[in-house]
Amino acid sequence: MEIDLPEKRYYTIGEVAKAFAVNTSLLRYWEKEFKEIQPKKKSNGVRKYTPTDLKNIKLIFHLLKEKGMTIEGAKKQLKVSKSSEETKMDVLKKLEQIKKELESLRDNL
């Protein structure tokens, strides 16, 4: 699903709801159910969604609406995705460290 929103720092709940063709109440419900959606809230309660929030909403929308998963199933899928991302980051850090060591050995030769 492609969302049609201009590049901005913050989006209102109305803009996000319109982009995903859902009600604002559904977004507020997902906000309670999924810790991945954490919009900034002004003192008057107005929600401001960041581009990161939009990515998470897009993923949740895909899991729930397009794949037909349950809320619990989507939560499990997000947890698995997050742990695999952390594993990838650990591997990348180790590879960078190995690369530096190899470059150091090459320079010493």
Protein backbone atom coordinates (compact mmCIF):
# COMPACT_ATOMS: atom_id res chain seq x y z
CA MET A 1 0.00 0.00 0.00
CA GLU A 2 1.30 3.42 -0.96
CA ILE A 3 0.48 6.31 1.33
CA ASP A 4 0.01 9.68 -0.28
CA LEU A 5 1.44 12.18 2.19
CA PRO A 6 3.95 14.97 1.63
CA GLU A 7 7.32 14.83 3.38
CA LYS A 8 6.85 16.51 6.74
CA ARG A 9 8.21 16.23 10.25
CA TYR A 10 4.78 15.70 11.84
CA TYR A 11 1.36 14.60 10.62
CA THR A 12 -2.03 15.06 12.27
CA ILE A 13 -4.24 12.10 13.12
CA GLY A 14 -6.68 13.24 10.43
CA GLU A 15 -4.01 13.22 7.73
CA VAL A 16 -2.83 9.76 8.75
CA ALA A 17 -6.36 8.38 8.95
CA LYS A 18 -7.17 9.74 5.49
CA ALA A 19 -3.94 8.33 4.01
CA PHE A 20 -4.74 4.83 5.30
CA ALA A 21 -8.51 5.15 4.73
CA VAL A 22 -9.32 4.29 8.36
CA ASN A 23 -11.13 6.09 11.18
CA THR A 24 -9.19 8.18 13.67
CA SER A 25 -10.64 5.99 16.42
CA LEU A 26 -8.91 2.96 14.88
CA LEU A 27 -5.56 4.78 15.01
CA ARG A 28 -6.13 5.67 18.66
CA TYR A 29 -7.00 2.00 19.36
CA TRP A 30 -3.85 0.78 17.59
CA GLU A 31 -1.87 3.31 19.60
CA LYS A 32 -3.10 1.61 22.79
CA GLU A 33 -2.48 -1.90 21.46
CA PHE A 34 0.92 -1.45 19.79
CA LYS A 35 3.82 0.14 21.63
CA GLU A 36 5.48 0.80 18.25
CA ILE A 37 3.06 3.68 17.64
CA GLN A 38 3.98 6.56 19.93
CA PRO A 39 2.82 9.89 18.51
CA LYS A 40 3.89 13.07 20.21
CA LYS A 41 1.06 14.65 22.16
CA LYS A 42 0.74 18.35 22.73
CA SER A 43 -0.54 19.69 26.05
CA ASN A 44 -4.02 20.02 24.53
CA GLY A 45 -4.00 16.33 23.50
CA VAL A 46 -3.38 16.82 19.77
CA ARG A 47 -1.43 13.89 18.35
CA LYS A 48 1.49 14.47 15.98
CA TYR A 49 2.71 11.40 14.10
CA THR A 50 6.32 11.18 12.91
CA PRO A 51 7.53 9.43 9.72
CA THR A 52 8.69 6.56 11.97
CA ASP A 53 5.15 6.25 13.33
CA LEU A 54 3.89 6.13 9.74
CA LYS A 55 6.24 3.25 8.90
CA ASN A 56 5.00 1.33 11.93
CA ILE A 57 1.36 2.07 11.11
CA LYS A 58 1.95 0.93 7.54
CA LEU A 59 3.39 -2.37 8.79
CA ILE A 60 0.56 -2.85 11.29
CA PHE A 61 -2.00 -1.97 8.60
CA HIS A 62 -0.43 -4.56 6.30
CA LEU A 63 -0.49 -7.28 8.96
CA LEU A 64 -4.04 -6.59 10.14
CA LYS A 65 -5.92 -5.43 7.07
CA GLU A 66 -4.08 -6.97 4.14
CA LYS A 67 -2.87 -10.24 5.69
CA GLY A 68 -5.90 -10.61 7.97
CA MET A 69 -3.91 -11.30 11.13
CA THR A 70 -5.31 -10.85 14.62
CA ILE A 71 -4.00 -8.18 16.99
CA GLU A 72 -2.11 -10.83 18.97
CA GLY A 73 -0.68 -12.38 15.82
CA ALA A 74 0.49 -8.98 14.61
CA LYS A 75 2.12 -8.27 17.99
CA LYS A 76 4.03 -11.56 17.79
CA GLN A 77 5.09 -10.82 14.22
CA LEU A 78 6.38 -7.39 15.21
CA LYS A 79 8.30 -8.89 18.13
CA VAL A 80 9.93 -11.46 15.83
CA SER A 81 10.75 -8.74 13.28
CA LYS A 82 12.30 -6.56 15.97
CA SER A 83 14.47 -9.36 17.36
CA SER A 84 15.66 -10.29 13.87
CA GLU A 85 16.53 -6.63 13.22
CA GLU A 86 18.54 -6.52 16.45
CA THR A 87 20.35 -9.70 15.40
CA LYS A 88 21.15 -8.16 12.01
CA MET A 89 22.54 -5.06 13.72
CA ASP A 90 24.74 -7.20 15.98
CA VAL A 91 26.09 -9.09 12.97
CA LEU A 92 26.79 -5.84 11.12
CA LYS A 93 28.69 -4.44 14.12
CA LYS A 94 30.80 -7.60 14.33
CA LEU A 95 31.52 -7.48 10.59
CA GLU A 96 32.59 -3.85 10.84
CA GLN A 97 34.94 -4.77 13.68
CA ILE A 98 36.41 -7.66 11.67
CA LYS A 99 36.83 -5.36 8.67
CA LYS A 100 38.79 -2.85 10.76
CA GLU A 101 41.03 -5.62 12.10
CA LEU A 102 41.69 -6.96 8.61
CA GLU A 103 42.47 -3.48 7.28
CA SER A 104 44.86 -2.99 10.18
CA LEU A 105 46.61 -6.30 9.40
CA ARG A 106 46.85 -5.35 5.71
CA ASP A 107 48.36 -1.98 6.56
CA ASN A 108 50.95 -3.66 8.82
CA LEU A 109 52.13 -5.97 6.01
